[in-house]
Each structure stands twice: as C-alpha cells, then as structure tokens.
Amino acid sequence: MSPLSVGDGNALSPLADYFVQNGYLHYISPDRLETYLDENQLITAYVKAVRSAVNVAKDSFWEDTLQMDDLDLISSGRKARIYVKDNPTEVKTIVRNGNAPYLPGSTVKGAFKTALLYGWLFQQDKRELKNLLRHISEFKGFDIEKQLDSLLNSRFNEKGVMPDFHHLRVSDSSLFSDSDVEVLMSKRLHLIKGTFDIPIAREAIVAPNKVFGIPVTLYPQFQHSSLQFLNKDGLKGMFKMINDFSLDHLGWLLDEVEASRQDIEKGTPGMYNPLFSWLDNLYKDVEKASDDECFIQLGAGKTYFANSIGLAIRNNDRRDFDKWRKILRLGKLEKEFYPVTISIDQERSAPLGWSMLKLG
C-alpha cells in the first residue's frame, strides 16, 4: 500500500556501486569496473578521485572525474527507477536472495508479535498494563532498556518476547522482480517544527498492485493465558488484534499530524493535505477490513509508536504517558522512544511500509 523497505544494513556508494542516468540508478558490475580501470591504467587516478570526492557533488563523478563517455562499460545491466533529485551520498539497500528482493518472514512475524503484545497489555481489565506502569515508575538511572527487558522477562520468561511463538511459523515471501524496486528519498517530517529533513535514499519495493505469497502456519496449542484465544480463532483472531493495533497507531498519527497542521503547512507547503488524506483513507480501509485480512506497517519508516508500550500507555492515560516521557528523558533512549518525527516517502507523501495481508 506504500513503498516497502526492509533493509539489510548495507549501503551503495556512488563512487563504486552505482551511477545515475536518465532517471535510473544503474548498478555497477565490480568485475567490469575492475577490468575497465585496469585496461585503461586508471586505478591510481580512480583512487585519487575517490579520496578527493568526499565532500563534493557526485552526480557527475564518472563522466567528469574519470572522463568516461560510455557508462555501459561498467554497468551490470540492472537498474532501478530513482526518485531523487540530486545524486545521493549513499543508498540504503534492501534484503535480497541473490539479486531478487523479498520480504523476510522474520519481519512479518516480528510485526505480529508487536501487535499481539499491544493487545496483551489491554487484556483482562488492563491488568498487565497496570502492572507495567507500576514497575516503570520505579525505573532509575540510565539503564532503562535493561530494566524494561528484565520486566518483560519476568512476565514472559522469554527475554521480552511473546511466549509460545514457535507455534507461529512465517516463511519468506515469494521473490519480487527488479522492476518492482525503486530508489526513493525518505525524509523525516518534524511534527513540531513542520520541517521536512534528514533525507535518506533507500531501495524499496514499490508495487501497490502486486500480490505476493508468504506462507504462514499456525500450530496449536498456545499455552499462555493471553494467547489462548488463538487456539480457537486461529489466524483470523490474530488478524483482528493486528487491525486493532494498526487502528490505534493510525489514530495517533492522524491526531499528531492534525495538531501540527499550521507548522507543517508553514514548514513544508503542500505536504499536509496529501499526507492527512493518505492516513485517513488507510484508517477507513482498516476499519472496513474483513476477518480474513489485516493491515500492518513493516520495515523501515516506523517510529516508536509503531511499537507496543508507548502507544499502549498513551492510549490508556495521557498523564501516565507524560510520566513515561519524563522517565525516558533520563536515559539514552530519549530520541528513539519519544520521537517527534515520522518518516515519509517524499514522492508520494505517505509513510513507508504499509501492507495488507489476506488469507489465501
């Protein structure tokens, strides 16, 4: 539903891995580049050029610096549409099997766990959420992350992850083609200042009408009390809880964007209306979802509020949420745990990674 970018932790350099030409990013073949430099005795000149290009524009590096007239000589033959006005310093890459991109099953399973943790916090008269809040008020010092992990361990006996999840198996998706991949510029929209900055160029699967298969198998029986509903309702019960989580997540986003309307319209003219409309339409889609489909955000672009605990505390009691923010300001996780920005695809004015899963 919006560009999906599940990163592999690597990045492409315009000095070795790609060149941009006629609106496309062309992937460079390392073997062809090495052969070209060797045959033309340009290795020394290339090394010198790379060293001197650190702080300069790189959009014409190959043509101007190395005087290359035919860039096809170093091209691998693979290319991706690029929606970046200036040649970026680097491009974040997505996971691939060989050269074919795919959606890892572990990414989907992790998103499922996040949504179910959120639902678990609200079950049984919010017992677990109240217990969490009571212990969080006792957090001290700068090791908040360790304290939070320890607290979840005590509830789940499994390093802060939902129990019994060996019963849920998610395999990797079917492969996408290179034609489904684009290079886009994601930026952070600052909800208070209204500015649109911190640009990151990244590969993404951009195929809104693409149907792909991802095998999901649910084996009974869940033993933990908060997950036993899955023994009866199966994946449809899980999908309902995921949609409930996504509705609350989108509701928060809509509230924040609407509250920041004046700042956004002043700081980034033309951004507010398409962004709010996109979020609002998605919210309505989730509201109308059938029991065999769910909507969830995957991969890059999520903020902390796409996770469980902060959103659960906020939606329960704003006063408790203010206390939570103050506690987090004491530790190293302030920026990660309480962001004031959301990541947006600059070209489409939409958050990254929203997908719809449907039982086949």
Foldseek 3Di string as FASTA:
>chain_A
DFWAAAFPPDKAALLQFWADDPQKTFGFDNVLVVVVCVVVVCPVQSVVLVVVCPPDFRNCSCCPSVVDPDPVSGTPPFIAGEDDPGDDRIATEGDADVPWHWAAQVQVLVLLQQLLVQVLCPPPPSPNLVVVLVQLLVDDFAPSVVSSQVVLCVVDVPRNTHPPCVQKDKGIKDTDDSHQKHWFWKWKQQLAQLATHPIHIYITRHDVPDDIDIDIGGHDDDDDPSPRVCVPVPVLVSQVSQLVLVLLLLVVVLVSLVVSVVNNCVRPNPLNVLLNVVSVVVSVVSVPDDSFKHKAFTHPFDALSSGRNLSSQCVVDVVSNVVVLVSPVNYPCNCRNDPSITMAGPVRSYGPGIDMDGDD
